Each structure stands twice: as structure tokens, then as C-alpha cells.
Amino acid sequence: MANSAQARKRARQATIARAHNASLRSRLRTAIKAVRKAVEAGDKAAAQQVYRSSTSIIDSIADKRIIHKNKAARHKSRLSAAIKSMAA
């Protein structure tokens, strides 16, 4: 356990930051699942709409460095490819 006042404070701050980052990561996963669900449903227009809203969530979480920017790009690329491969 932390012995100095500074270390105790950093431990408190780390706990809060970890909880915040976990909620953002959960938001990311939910956004990705929403797009995949729309793709599986087969409605291309709905999937594109959900993808647009999910893209902003993915980008904002990458901007906050919760995930790496390349991981965000990979997710967006794969989701986009899944939508493009759907029958029109």
C-alpha cells in the first residue's frame, strides 16, 4: 500500500481514472455491437445510420487515448467493410 501522501493521492486518482476509462471502453464495445447487430439484421440503411453514430464514439475514445488510433481505424474499417458487403 502507498506510504506517502503523494502516493495515496495517486492511488485515489488512479481508481477514479480506471473507472472512467472502463466506462468509455464499455461505450466503445456497445457501439461496435450495435453496428454488428444492425448488419446481422440485414437492413443496410439502418446499419449505415448506426455506423455513422458509432464512428464518432470510436473516434472520440481514440482521441482520449483509451484505445490506439490504429485500433479505432481497424474497427471502423471492418465495420464499414461488413456494411459494404451487405446486399443492397
C-alpha atoms as a PDB file:
ATOM      1  CA  MET A   1       0.000   0.000   0.000  1.00  0.00           C
ATOM      2  CA  ALA A   2       1.043   3.598  -0.561  1.00  0.00           C
ATOM      3  CA  ASN A   3       3.004   5.152   2.283  1.00  0.00           C
ATOM      4  CA  SER A   4       3.423   8.798   1.326  1.00  0.00           C
ATOM      5  CA  ALA A   5       0.620  11.315   0.933  1.00  0.00           C
ATOM      6  CA  GLN A   6       1.523  11.755  -2.731  1.00  0.00           C
ATOM      7  CA  ALA A   7       1.328   8.009  -3.391  1.00  0.00           C
ATOM      8  CA  ARG A   8      -2.012   7.763  -1.578  1.00  0.00           C
ATOM      9  CA  LYS A   9      -3.399  10.582  -3.711  1.00  0.00           C
ATOM     10  CA  ARG A  10      -2.122   8.970  -6.925  1.00  0.00           C
ATOM     11  CA  ALA A  11      -3.767   5.691  -5.882  1.00  0.00           C
ATOM     12  CA  ARG A  12      -7.089   7.515  -5.378  1.00  0.00           C
ATOM     13  CA  GLN A  13      -6.753   9.259  -8.732  1.00  0.00           C
ATOM     14  CA  ALA A  14      -5.858   6.010 -10.484  1.00  0.00           C
ATOM     15  CA  THR A  15      -9.005   4.353  -9.138  1.00  0.00           C
ATOM     16  CA  ILE A  16     -11.197   7.140 -10.484  1.00  0.00           C
ATOM     17  CA  ALA A  17      -9.408   7.183 -13.855  1.00  0.00           C
ATOM     18  CA  ARG A  18      -9.675   3.401 -14.172  1.00  0.00           C
ATOM     19  CA  ALA A  19     -13.431   3.517 -13.577  1.00  0.00           C
ATOM     20  CA  HIS A  20     -13.851   6.333 -16.111  1.00  0.00           C
ATOM     21  CA  ASN A  21     -11.766   4.544 -18.738  1.00  0.00           C
ATOM     22  CA  ALA A  22     -13.707   1.318 -18.168  1.00  0.00           C
ATOM     23  CA  SER A  23     -16.997   3.101 -18.809  1.00  0.00           C
ATOM     24  CA  LEU A  24     -15.638   4.618 -22.023  1.00  0.00           C
ATOM     25  CA  ARG A  25     -14.337   1.235 -23.157  1.00  0.00           C
ATOM     26  CA  SER A  26     -17.766  -0.234 -22.468  1.00  0.00           C
ATOM     27  CA  ARG A  27     -19.344   2.527 -24.561  1.00  0.00           C
ATOM     28  CA  LEU A  28     -16.977   1.618 -27.399  1.00  0.00           C
ATOM     29  CA  ARG A  29     -17.877  -2.066 -27.251  1.00  0.00           C
ATOM     30  CA  THR A  30     -21.590  -1.253 -27.156  1.00  0.00           C
ATOM     31  CA  ALA A  31     -21.260   0.959 -30.248  1.00  0.00           C
ATOM     32  CA  ILE A  32     -19.431  -1.789 -32.142  1.00  0.00           C
ATOM     33  CA  LYS A  33     -22.019  -4.381 -31.121  1.00  0.00           C
ATOM     34  CA  ALA A  34     -24.833  -2.089 -32.278  1.00  0.00           C
ATOM     35  CA  VAL A  35     -23.358  -1.917 -35.779  1.00  0.00           C
ATOM     36  CA  ARG A  36     -22.799  -5.685 -35.916  1.00  0.00           C
ATOM     37  CA  LYS A  37     -26.378  -6.273 -34.776  1.00  0.00           C
ATOM     38  CA  ALA A  38     -27.692  -3.950 -37.497  1.00  0.00           C
ATOM     39  CA  VAL A  39     -25.591  -5.760 -40.106  1.00  0.00           C
ATOM     40  CA  GLU A  40     -26.911  -9.145 -38.966  1.00  0.00           C
ATOM     41  CA  ALA A  41     -30.466  -7.823 -39.142  1.00  0.00           C
ATOM     42  CA  GLY A  42     -29.896  -7.213 -42.846  1.00  0.00           C
ATOM     43  CA  ASP A  43     -31.089  -3.597 -43.064  1.00  0.00           C
ATOM     44  CA  LYS A  44     -28.333  -1.718 -44.863  1.00  0.00           C
ATOM     45  CA  ALA A  45     -29.811   1.758 -44.354  1.00  0.00           C
ATOM     46  CA  ALA A  46     -30.175   1.208 -40.610  1.00  0.00           C
ATOM     47  CA  ALA A  47     -26.666  -0.250 -40.426  1.00  0.00           C
ATOM     48  CA  GLN A  48     -25.236   2.821 -42.159  1.00  0.00           C
ATOM     49  CA  GLN A  49     -27.080   5.119 -39.757  1.00  0.00           C
ATOM     50  CA  VAL A  50     -25.801   3.240 -36.694  1.00  0.00           C
ATOM     51  CA  TYR A  51     -22.298   3.147 -38.206  1.00  0.00           C
ATOM     52  CA  ARG A  52     -22.243   6.950 -38.546  1.00  0.00           C
ATOM     53  CA  SER A  53     -23.094   7.456 -34.881  1.00  0.00           C
ATOM     54  CA  SER A  54     -20.686   4.713 -33.792  1.00  0.00           C
ATOM     55  CA  THR A  55     -17.846   6.244 -35.790  1.00  0.00           C
ATOM     56  CA  SER A  56     -17.948   9.417 -33.714  1.00  0.00           C
ATOM     57  CA  ILE A  57     -17.884   7.376 -30.497  1.00  0.00           C
ATOM     58  CA  ILE A  58     -14.935   5.311 -31.723  1.00  0.00           C
ATOM     59  CA  ASP A  59     -13.024   8.435 -32.771  1.00  0.00           C
ATOM     60  CA  SER A  60     -13.673  10.269 -29.505  1.00  0.00           C
ATOM     61  CA  ILE A  61     -12.417   7.321 -27.461  1.00  0.00           C
ATOM     62  CA  ALA A  62      -9.300   7.121 -29.642  1.00  0.00           C
ATOM     63  CA  ASP A  63      -8.758  10.872 -29.189  1.00  0.00           C
ATOM     64  CA  LYS A  64      -8.817  10.338 -25.411  1.00  0.00           C
ATOM     65  CA  ARG A  65      -6.202   7.593 -25.865  1.00  0.00           C
ATOM     66  CA  ILE A  66      -8.368   4.918 -24.297  1.00  0.00           C
ATOM     67  CA  ILE A  67      -7.574   2.856 -27.390  1.00  0.00           C
ATOM     68  CA  HIS A  68      -4.879   3.402 -30.011  1.00  0.00           C
ATOM     69  CA  LYS A  69      -5.822   5.364 -33.119  1.00  0.00           C
ATOM     70  CA  ASN A  70      -4.893   2.416 -35.340  1.00  0.00           C
ATOM     71  CA  LYS A  71      -7.207   0.136 -33.373  1.00  0.00           C
ATOM     72  CA  ALA A  72     -10.000   2.657 -33.883  1.00  0.00           C
ATOM     73  CA  ALA A  73      -9.246   2.776 -37.608  1.00  0.00           C
ATOM     74  CA  ARG A  74      -9.245  -1.026 -37.764  1.00  0.00           C
ATOM     75  CA  HIS A  75     -12.648  -1.252 -36.082  1.00  0.00           C
ATOM     76  CA  LYS A  76     -14.132   1.381 -38.386  1.00  0.00           C
ATOM     77  CA  SER A  77     -12.661  -0.290 -41.460  1.00  0.00           C
ATOM     78  CA  ARG A  78     -14.005  -3.724 -40.574  1.00  0.00           C
ATOM     79  CA  LEU A  79     -17.447  -2.403 -39.707  1.00  0.00           C
ATOM     80  CA  SER A  80     -17.544  -0.427 -42.943  1.00  0.00           C
ATOM     81  CA  ALA A  81     -16.488  -3.496 -44.932  1.00  0.00           C
ATOM     82  CA  ALA A  82     -19.249  -5.527 -43.282  1.00  0.00           C
ATOM     83  CA  ILE A  83     -21.820  -2.911 -44.286  1.00  0.00           C
ATOM     84  CA  LYS A  84     -20.490  -2.693 -47.844  1.00  0.00           C
ATOM     85  CA  SER A  85     -20.650  -6.474 -48.248  1.00  0.00           C
ATOM     86  CA  MET A  86     -24.362  -6.473 -47.427  1.00  0.00           C
ATOM     87  CA  ALA A  87     -26.861  -6.945 -50.260  1.00  0.00           C
ATOM     88  CA  ALA A  88     -28.381  -3.622 -51.264  1.00  0.00           C
END
